[in-house]
C-alpha atoms as a PDB file:
ATOM      1  CA  UNK A   1      69.276  72.520 133.482  1.00  0.00           C
ATOM      2  CA  UNK A   2      66.473  74.865 132.451  1.00  0.00           C
ATOM      3  CA  UNK A   3      66.062  76.136 128.889  1.00  0.00           C
ATOM      4  CA  UNK A   4      67.021  79.611 130.064  1.00  0.00           C
ATOM      5  CA  UNK A   5      70.210  78.267 131.651  1.00  0.00           C
ATOM      6  CA  UNK A   6      71.046  76.444 128.430  1.00  0.00           C
ATOM      7  CA  UNK A   7      70.558  79.649 126.443  1.00  0.00           C
ATOM      8  CA  UNK A   8      72.801  81.570 128.827  1.00  0.00           C
ATOM      9  CA  UNK A   9      75.425  78.830 128.581  1.00  0.00           C
ATOM     10  CA  UNK A  10      75.276  79.071 124.778  1.00  0.00           C
ATOM     11  CA  UNK A  11      75.851  82.826 124.943  1.00  0.00           C
ATOM     12  CA  UNK A  12      78.789  82.380 127.316  1.00  0.00           C
ATOM     13  CA  UNK A  13      80.329  79.784 124.997  1.00  0.00           C
ATOM     14  CA  UNK A  14      79.900  82.011 121.920  1.00  0.00           C
ATOM     15  CA  UNK A  15      81.437  85.139 123.365  1.00  0.00           C
ATOM     16  CA  UNK A  16      85.079  83.982 123.593  1.00  0.00           C
ATOM     17  CA  UNK A  17      84.998  82.884 119.926  1.00  0.00           C
ATOM     18  CA  UNK A  18      83.952  86.291 118.653  1.00  0.00           C
ATOM     19  CA  UNK A  19      86.181  88.137 121.096  1.00  0.00           C
ATOM     20  CA  UNK A  20      89.103  86.043 119.844  1.00  0.00           C
ATOM     21  CA  UNK A  21      88.318  86.896 116.218  1.00  0.00           C
ATOM     22  CA  UNK A  22      88.188  90.590 117.117  1.00  0.00           C
ATOM     23  CA  UNK A  23      91.796  90.236 118.261  1.00  0.00           C
ATOM     24  CA  UNK A  24      92.991  88.627 115.022  1.00  0.00           C
ATOM     25  CA  UNK A  25      95.836  90.499 113.341  1.00  0.00           C
ATOM     26  CA  UNK A  26      95.371  92.393 110.084  1.00  0.00           C
ATOM     27  CA  UNK A  27      98.755  92.275 108.344  1.00  0.00           C
ATOM     28  CA  UNK A  28      99.431  94.264 105.165  1.00  0.00           C
ATOM     29  CA  UNK A  29     102.495  95.468 103.316  1.00  0.00           C
ATOM     30  CA  UNK A  30     103.151  99.164 103.719  1.00  0.00           C
ATOM     31  CA  UNK A  31     102.913  99.507  99.942  1.00  0.00           C
ATOM     32  CA  UNK A  32      99.325  98.280 100.019  1.00  0.00           C
ATOM     33  CA  UNK A  33      98.508 100.785 102.751  1.00  0.00           C
ATOM     34  CA  UNK A  34     100.529 103.806 101.717  1.00  0.00           C
ATOM     35  CA  UNK A  35     100.695 103.609  97.929  1.00  0.00           C
ATOM     36  CA  UNK A  36      97.160 102.664  97.014  1.00  0.00           C
ATOM     37  CA  UNK A  37      93.959 104.491  96.131  1.00  0.00           C
ATOM     38  CA  UNK A  38      90.511 102.985  96.319  1.00  0.00           C
ATOM     39  CA  UNK A  39      86.860 103.764  96.954  1.00  0.00           C
ATOM     40  CA  UNK A  40      85.474 101.534  99.711  1.00  0.00           C
ATOM     41  CA  UNK A  41      82.696 102.220 102.194  1.00  0.00           C
ATOM     42  CA  UNK A  42      83.241 101.630 105.908  1.00  0.00           C
ATOM     43  CA  UNK A  43      81.433  98.291 105.619  1.00  0.00           C
ATOM     44  CA  UNK A  44      83.533  97.228 102.627  1.00  0.00           C
ATOM     45  CA  UNK A  45      86.756  98.108 104.427  1.00  0.00           C
ATOM     46  CA  UNK A  46      85.679  96.111 107.481  1.00  0.00           C
ATOM     47  CA  UNK A  47      84.853  93.085 105.331  1.00  0.00           C
ATOM     48  CA  UNK A  48      88.286  93.260 103.709  1.00  0.00           C
ATOM     49  CA  UNK A  49      90.045  93.579 107.052  1.00  0.00           C
ATOM     50  CA  UNK A  50      87.993  90.658 108.392  1.00  0.00           C
ATOM     51  CA  UNK A  51      88.997  88.527 105.381  1.00  0.00           C
ATOM     52  CA  UNK A  52      92.656  89.535 105.642  1.00  0.00           C
ATOM     53  CA  UNK A  53      92.676  88.746 109.374  1.00  0.00           C
ATOM     54  CA  UNK A  54      91.751  85.143 108.464  1.00  0.00           C
ATOM     55  CA  UNK A  55      94.835  84.719 106.271  1.00  0.00           C
ATOM     56  CA  UNK A  56      97.882  82.821 107.456  1.00  0.00           C
ATOM     57  CA  UNK A  57     100.714  85.081 106.263  1.00  0.00           C
ATOM     58  CA  UNK A  58     103.029  82.088 105.876  1.00  0.00           C
ATOM     59  CA  UNK A  59     100.725  80.432 103.324  1.00  0.00           C
ATOM     60  CA  UNK A  60     101.785  80.233  99.687  1.00  0.00           C
ATOM     61  CA  UNK A  61      98.348  80.861  98.207  1.00  0.00           C
ATOM     62  CA  UNK A  62      94.892  82.132  99.049  1.00  0.00           C
ATOM     63  CA  UNK A  63      92.223  79.528  99.588  1.00  0.00           C
ATOM     64  CA  UNK A  64      88.544  79.867  98.807  1.00  0.00           C
ATOM     65  CA  UNK A  65      86.973  80.181 102.247  1.00  0.00           C
ATOM     66  CA  UNK A  66      83.437  80.208 103.570  1.00  0.00           C
ATOM     67  CA  UNK A  67      82.303  83.690 104.537  1.00  0.00           C
ATOM     68  CA  UNK A  68      80.124  83.276 107.619  1.00  0.00           C
ATOM     69  CA  UNK A  69      77.856  86.326 107.548  1.00  0.00           C
ATOM     70  CA  UNK A  70      76.468  85.545 111.021  1.00  0.00           C
ATOM     71  CA  UNK A  71      79.994  85.396 112.429  1.00  0.00           C
ATOM     72  CA  UNK A  72      80.931  88.651 110.711  1.00  0.00           C
ATOM     73  CA  UNK A  73      77.823  90.332 112.160  1.00  0.00           C
ATOM     74  CA  UNK A  74      78.645  89.122 115.673  1.00  0.00           C
ATOM     75  CA  UNK A  75      82.259  90.257 115.370  1.00  0.00           C
ATOM     76  CA  UNK A  76      81.179  93.728 114.194  1.00  0.00           C
ATOM     77  CA  UNK A  77      78.250  94.080 116.588  1.00  0.00           C
ATOM     78  CA  UNK A  78      75.586  93.911 113.842  1.00  0.00           C
ATOM     79  CA  UNK A  79      72.220  92.244 114.450  1.00  0.00           C
ATOM     80  CA  UNK A  80      72.616  88.962 112.578  1.00  0.00           C
ATOM     81  CA  UNK A  81      68.926  88.071 113.072  1.00  0.00           C
ATOM     82  CA  UNK A  82      67.884  91.070 110.985  1.00  0.00           C
ATOM     83  CA  UNK A  83      67.234  89.787 107.473  1.00  0.00           C
ATOM     84  CA  UNK A  84      67.964  93.180 105.916  1.00  0.00           C
ATOM     85  CA  UNK A  85      71.404  93.352 107.588  1.00  0.00           C
ATOM     86  CA  UNK A  86      72.147  89.866 106.270  1.00  0.00           C
ATOM     87  CA  UNK A  87      71.169  90.847 102.731  1.00  0.00           C
ATOM     88  CA  UNK A  88      73.086  94.141 102.920  1.00  0.00           C
ATOM     89  CA  UNK A  89      76.320  92.310 103.778  1.00  0.00           C
ATOM     90  CA  UNK A  90      75.711  89.778 101.016  1.00  0.00           C
ATOM     91  CA  UNK A  91      75.165  92.642  98.555  1.00  0.00           C
ATOM     92  CA  UNK A  92      78.270  94.447  99.829  1.00  0.00           C
ATOM     93  CA  UNK A  93      80.439  91.414  99.098  1.00  0.00           C
ATOM     94  CA  UNK A  94      78.974  91.342  95.606  1.00  0.00           C
ATOM     95  CA  UNK A  95      79.922  94.980  95.108  1.00  0.00           C
ATOM     96  CA  UNK A  96      83.450  94.303  96.396  1.00  0.00           C
ATOM     97  CA  UNK A  97      83.999  91.903  93.504  1.00  0.00           C
ATOM     98  CA  UNK A  98      83.635  94.876  91.140  1.00  0.00           C
ATOM     99  CA  UNK A  99      85.820  97.272  93.138  1.00  0.00           C
ATOM    100  CA  UNK A 100      89.358  98.028  92.002  1.00  0.00           C
ATOM    101  CA  UNK A 101      92.446  99.297  93.770  1.00  0.00           C
ATOM    102  CA  UNK A 102      95.112 101.428  92.140  1.00  0.00           C
ATOM    103  CA  UNK A 103      98.562 100.711  93.537  1.00  0.00           C
ATOM    104  CA  UNK A 104     102.017 102.067  92.766  1.00  0.00           C
ATOM    105  CA  UNK A 105     104.390  99.192  91.962  1.00  0.00           C
ATOM    106  CA  UNK A 106     107.551 101.201  91.234  1.00  0.00           C
ATOM    107  CA  UNK A 107     108.665 104.797  90.695  1.00  0.00           C
ATOM    108  CA  UNK A 108     107.141 104.930  87.215  1.00  0.00           C
ATOM    109  CA  UNK A 109     104.133 102.613  87.200  1.00  0.00           C
ATOM    110  CA  UNK A 110     100.798 102.053  88.862  1.00  0.00           C
ATOM    111  CA  UNK A 111      98.480  99.141  88.211  1.00  0.00           C
ATOM    112  CA  UNK A 112      94.966  97.936  89.017  1.00  0.00           C
ATOM    113  CA  UNK A 113      94.189  95.032  91.328  1.00  0.00           C
ATOM    114  CA  UNK A 114      90.906  93.544  92.494  1.00  0.00           C
ATOM    115  CA  UNK A 115      89.983  92.826  96.077  1.00  0.00           C
ATOM    116  CA  UNK A 116      88.159  89.510  95.792  1.00  0.00           C
ATOM    117  CA  UNK A 117      87.729  86.881  93.118  1.00  0.00           C
ATOM    118  CA  UNK A 118      84.372  85.353  92.180  1.00  0.00           C
ATOM    119  CA  UNK A 119      82.337  85.184  95.395  1.00  0.00           C
ATOM    120  CA  UNK A 120      79.944  82.224  95.294  1.00  0.00           C
ATOM    121  CA  UNK A 121      76.585  81.792  97.025  1.00  0.00           C
ATOM    122  CA  UNK A 122      75.078  78.384  97.737  1.00  0.00           C
ATOM    123  CA  UNK A 123      71.432  78.736  96.677  1.00  0.00           C
ATOM    124  CA  UNK A 124      70.180  76.187  99.216  1.00  0.00           C
ATOM    125  CA  UNK A 125      72.107  77.316 102.294  1.00  0.00           C
ATOM    126  CA  UNK A 126      72.749  80.974 101.494  1.00  0.00           C
ATOM    127  CA  UNK A 127      76.383  80.492 102.532  1.00  0.00           C
ATOM    128  CA  UNK A 128      79.046  82.472 100.689  1.00  0.00           C
ATOM    129  CA  UNK A 129      82.525  81.449  99.582  1.00  0.00           C
ATOM    130  CA  UNK A 130      85.110  84.166  98.972  1.00  0.00           C
ATOM    131  CA  UNK A 131      88.689  84.171  97.700  1.00  0.00           C
ATOM    132  CA  UNK A 132      91.033  87.125  97.681  1.00  0.00           C
ATOM    133  CA  UNK A 133      92.414  88.107  94.301  1.00  0.00           C
ATOM    134  CA  UNK A 134      95.722  86.298  93.642  1.00  0.00           C
ATOM    135  CA  UNK A 135      97.365  89.574  92.583  1.00  0.00           C
ATOM    136  CA  UNK A 136      97.209  90.654  96.237  1.00  0.00           C
ATOM    137  CA  UNK A 137      99.573  87.856  97.325  1.00  0.00           C
ATOM    138  CA  UNK A 138     102.796  89.941  97.273  1.00  0.00           C
ATOM    139  CA  UNK A 139     101.120  92.457  99.587  1.00  0.00           C
ATOM    140  CA  UNK A 140      99.703  89.979 102.115  1.00  0.00           C
ATOM    141  CA  UNK A 141     101.797  86.780 102.138  1.00  0.00           C
ATOM    142  CA  UNK A 142     105.379  86.054 103.211  1.00  0.00           C
ATOM    143  CA  UNK A 143     106.012  89.608 104.392  1.00  0.00           C
ATOM    144  CA  UNK A 144     109.469  89.911 105.939  1.00  0.00           C
ATOM    145  CA  UNK A 145     109.726  93.670 106.390  1.00  0.00           C
ATOM    146  CA  UNK A 146     107.970  96.929 105.557  1.00  0.00           C
ATOM    147  CA  UNK A 147     104.593  95.721 106.771  1.00  0.00           C
ATOM    148  CA  UNK A 148     102.071  96.888 109.348  1.00  0.00           C
ATOM    149  CA  UNK A 149      99.932  94.794 111.665  1.00  0.00           C
ATOM    150  CA  UNK A 150      97.095  95.753 113.975  1.00  0.00           C
ATOM    151  CA  UNK A 151      94.257  93.993 115.740  1.00  0.00           C
ATOM    152  CA  UNK A 152      90.946  93.861 113.904  1.00  0.00           C
ATOM    153  CA  UNK A 153      89.120  95.340 116.909  1.00  0.00           C
ATOM    154  CA  UNK A 154      90.804  98.705 116.373  1.00  0.00           C
ATOM    155  CA  UNK A 155      88.526  99.609 113.452  1.00  0.00           C
ATOM    156  CA  UNK A 156      85.339  97.646 114.183  1.00  0.00           C
ATOM    157  CA  UNK A 157      83.563 100.436 116.081  1.00  0.00           C
ATOM    158  CA  UNK A 158      84.429 103.197 113.601  1.00  0.00           C
ATOM    159  CA  UNK A 159      81.533 104.501 111.502  1.00  0.00           C
ATOM    160  CA  UNK A 160      83.358 106.776 109.064  1.00  0.00           C
ATOM    161  CA  UNK A 161      85.155 105.266 106.094  1.00  0.00           C
ATOM    162  CA  UNK A 162      87.725 108.034 106.459  1.00  0.00           C
ATOM    163  CA  UNK A 163      88.517 106.957 110.037  1.00  0.00           C
ATOM    164  CA  UNK A 164      89.282 103.373 109.027  1.00  0.00           C
ATOM    165  CA  UNK A 165      91.481 104.413 106.116  1.00  0.00           C
ATOM    166  CA  UNK A 166      93.332 107.109 108.049  1.00  0.00           C
ATOM    167  CA  UNK A 167      93.869 104.734 110.974  1.00  0.00           C
ATOM    168  CA  UNK A 168      95.722 102.144 108.909  1.00  0.00           C
ATOM    169  CA  UNK A 169      97.758 104.833 107.149  1.00  0.00           C
ATOM    170  CA  UNK A 170      98.872 106.444 110.399  1.00  0.00           C
ATOM    171  CA  UNK A 171      99.423 103.024 111.986  1.00  0.00           C
ATOM    172  CA  UNK A 172     101.902 102.300 109.195  1.00  0.00           C
ATOM    173  CA  UNK A 173     103.806 105.498 110.068  1.00  0.00           C
ATOM    174  CA  UNK A 174     103.583 105.071 113.849  1.00  0.00           C
ATOM    175  CA  UNK A 175     107.292 104.182 114.114  1.00  0.00           C
ATOM    176  CA  UNK A 176     108.144 107.662 112.757  1.00  0.00           C
ATOM    177  CA  UNK A 177     105.933 109.393 115.366  1.00  0.00           C
ATOM    178  CA  UNK A 178     104.809 111.953 112.789  1.00  0.00           C
ATOM    179  CA  UNK A 179     103.995 112.214 109.099  1.00  0.00           C
ATOM    180  CA  UNK A 180     103.139 115.102 106.797  1.00  0.00           C
ATOM    181  CA  UNK A 181     100.840 115.060 103.761  1.00  0.00           C
ATOM    182  CA  UNK A 182      99.870 117.693 101.286  1.00  0.00           C
ATOM    183  CA  UNK A 183      96.142 118.312 101.659  1.00  0.00           C
ATOM    184  CA  UNK A 184      95.555 117.409  98.007  1.00  0.00           C
ATOM    185  CA  UNK A 185      97.410 114.106  98.443  1.00  0.00           C
ATOM    186  CA  UNK A 186      95.513 113.289 101.633  1.00  0.00           C
ATOM    187  CA  UNK A 187      92.195 113.929  99.880  1.00  0.00           C
ATOM    188  CA  UNK A 188      93.231 111.464  97.176  1.00  0.00           C
ATOM    189  CA  UNK A 189      94.292 108.792  99.642  1.00  0.00           C
ATOM    190  CA  UNK A 190      91.095 109.132 101.678  1.00  0.00           C
ATOM    191  CA  UNK A 191      88.776 109.277  98.645  1.00  0.00           C
ATOM    192  CA  UNK A 192      87.645 112.762  99.675  1.00  0.00           C
ATOM    193  CA  UNK A 193      88.547 114.913  96.667  1.00  0.00           C
ATOM    194  CA  UNK A 194      84.951 116.137  96.433  1.00  0.00           C
ATOM    195  CA  UNK A 195      85.600 118.335  99.479  1.00  0.00           C
ATOM    196  CA  UNK A 196      87.144 121.211  97.561  1.00  0.00           C
ATOM    197  CA  UNK A 197      87.352 123.714 100.429  1.00  0.00           C
ATOM    198  CA  UNK A 198      89.736 122.957 103.263  1.00  0.00           C
ATOM    199  CA  UNK A 199      87.210 123.991 105.931  1.00  0.00           C
ATOM    200  CA  UNK A 200      84.748 121.348 104.676  1.00  0.00           C
ATOM    201  CA  UNK A 201      87.470 118.688 104.334  1.00  0.00           C
ATOM    202  CA  UNK A 202      88.631 119.391 107.855  1.00  0.00           C
ATOM    203  CA  UNK A 203      85.141 119.302 109.398  1.00  0.00           C
ATOM    204  CA  UNK A 204      83.709 116.330 107.489  1.00  0.00           C
ATOM    205  CA  UNK A 205      86.791 114.154 107.134  1.00  0.00           C
ATOM    206  CA  UNK A 206      89.797 114.996 109.279  1.00  0.00           C
ATOM    207  CA  UNK A 207      88.131 116.004 112.552  1.00  0.00           C
ATOM    208  CA  UNK A 208      85.691 113.075 112.485  1.00  0.00           C
ATOM    209  CA  UNK A 209      88.477 110.614 111.699  1.00  0.00           C
ATOM    210  CA  UNK A 210      90.823 111.977 114.372  1.00  0.00           C
ATOM    211  CA  UNK A 211      88.097 111.791 117.024  1.00  0.00           C
ATOM    212  CA  UNK A 212      87.150 108.213 116.147  1.00  0.00           C
ATOM    213  CA  UNK A 213      90.762 107.066 116.015  1.00  0.00           C
ATOM    214  CA  UNK A 214      91.516 108.630 119.409  1.00  0.00           C
ATOM    215  CA  UNK A 215      88.384 107.206 121.029  1.00  0.00           C
ATOM    216  CA  UNK A 216      88.194 103.778 119.400  1.00  0.00           C
ATOM    217  CA  UNK A 217      91.693 102.508 118.641  1.00  0.00           C
ATOM    218  CA  UNK A 218      95.164 101.942 120.036  1.00  0.00           C
ATOM    219  CA  UNK A 219      96.462 105.213 118.553  1.00  0.00           C
ATOM    220  CA  UNK A 220      96.508 108.704 119.988  1.00  0.00           C
ATOM    221  CA  UNK A 221      96.861 111.295 117.239  1.00  0.00           C
ATOM    222  CA  UNK A 222      96.727 115.035 116.696  1.00  0.00           C
ATOM    223  CA  UNK A 223      97.333 117.215 113.675  1.00  0.00           C
ATOM    224  CA  UNK A 224      98.591 120.648 112.685  1.00  0.00           C
ATOM    225  CA  UNK A 225      97.438 122.364 109.481  1.00  0.00           C
ATOM    226  CA  UNK A 226     100.259 124.175 107.688  1.00  0.00           C
ATOM    227  CA  UNK A 227      99.849 127.359 105.661  1.00  0.00           C
ATOM    228  CA  UNK A 228     101.785 128.768 102.763  1.00  0.00           C
ATOM    229  CA  UNK A 229     100.762 132.389 102.457  1.00  0.00           C
ATOM    230  CA  UNK A 230      97.010 132.523 103.036  1.00  0.00           C
ATOM    231  CA  UNK A 231      96.284 128.960 101.959  1.00  0.00           C
ATOM    232  CA  UNK A 232      96.413 125.723 103.962  1.00  0.00           C
ATOM    233  CA  UNK A 233      98.596 123.349 101.957  1.00  0.00           C
ATOM    234  CA  UNK A 234      99.677 120.516 104.275  1.00  0.00           C
ATOM    235  CA  UNK A 235      98.662 118.600 107.389  1.00  0.00           C
ATOM    236  CA  UNK A 236     101.175 117.127 109.809  1.00  0.00           C
ATOM    237  CA  UNK A 237     100.002 114.309 112.085  1.00  0.00           C
ATOM    238  CA  UNK A 238     101.582 113.381 115.395  1.00  0.00           C
ATOM    239  CA  UNK A 239     101.174 109.679 116.186  1.00  0.00           C
ATOM    240  CA  UNK A 240     101.530 107.823 119.463  1.00  0.00           C
ATOM    241  CA  UNK A 241     100.737 104.211 120.281  1.00  0.00           C
ATOM    242  CA  UNK A 242      98.728 103.922 123.482  1.00  0.00           C
ATOM    243  CA  UNK A 243     100.884 102.068 126.000  1.00  0.00           C
ATOM    244  CA  UNK A 244      99.315 103.061 129.315  1.00  0.00           C
ATOM    245  CA  UNK A 245      96.922 100.310 130.414  1.00  0.00           C
ATOM    246  CA  UNK A 246      94.274 102.730 131.683  1.00  0.00           C
ATOM    247  CA  UNK A 247      94.315 104.543 128.349  1.00  0.00           C
ATOM    248  CA  UNK A 248      94.032 101.297 126.393  1.00  0.00           C
ATOM    249  CA  UNK A 249      91.251 100.012 128.638  1.00  0.00           C
ATOM    250  CA  UNK A 250      89.272 103.245 128.185  1.00  0.00           C
ATOM    251  CA  UNK A 251      89.433 102.816 124.395  1.00  0.00           C
ATOM    252  CA  UNK A 252      88.552  99.118 124.657  1.00  0.00           C
ATOM    253  CA  UNK A 253      85.506  99.920 126.821  1.00  0.00           C
ATOM    254  CA  UNK A 254      84.237 102.475 124.284  1.00  0.00           C
ATOM    255  CA  UNK A 255      84.653  99.912 121.513  1.00  0.00           C
ATOM    256  CA  UNK A 256      82.741  97.285 123.494  1.00  0.00           C
ATOM    257  CA  UNK A 257      79.982  99.767 124.265  1.00  0.00           C
ATOM    258  CA  UNK A 258      79.458 100.224 120.525  1.00  0.00           C
ATOM    259  CA  UNK A 259      79.899  96.714 119.153  1.00  0.00           C
ATOM    260  CA  UNK A 260      78.696  94.822 122.227  1.00  0.00           C
ATOM    261  CA  UNK A 261      80.188  92.180 124.456  1.00  0.00           C
END
């Protein structure tokens, strides 16, 4: 067999592995999705979803696991041979260790959790080990009800951090077919309070997120802004899971065009 044939064979053998990982399930409690506030970039959200997709929900504890940056790059369609990309992801994981999440734990209290606990880098190999914060266990392990699951691939091609966050929120309400938020509350949830005027919030957050979700996921959504007097106060989303195979294939093809085969 020629060297070229061997290289092609290697590529063929690699593809199913990364395609399989893209189909891993991200499973979270609805409380973690719906009752939390955090400030994560698109890349940070994808890293967290990738880590969560590796969890076995029936486990009793989180293990410290190797974080394969090359694998993550291949899954997300990032050039893993680019040294700068490699360093950026390493740096992003470091930043995640300092990021907090506010979450409501009952009707009267909210508390702070961390995403990951003490990431470690092997100086010789450059490999990273990462463990999720133990305080996340009630929101990720042994979930019997009130949880949401979706395939990792549904957010991998999204570029806006607002798209990824809005997707998982609306996915958690998909069974209701619609959900209504006050605009102020939605800004808080999406980490977009700096858009003070509705017209800017709509153009830079909502419209971009809706377009990406419709094009690059298993959801079809639309929204209706609601006025009280002369002011827009609420947004109501209509949510539909894509069932038609042609519709799902069209979304899958757009995802593959962005993140590669």
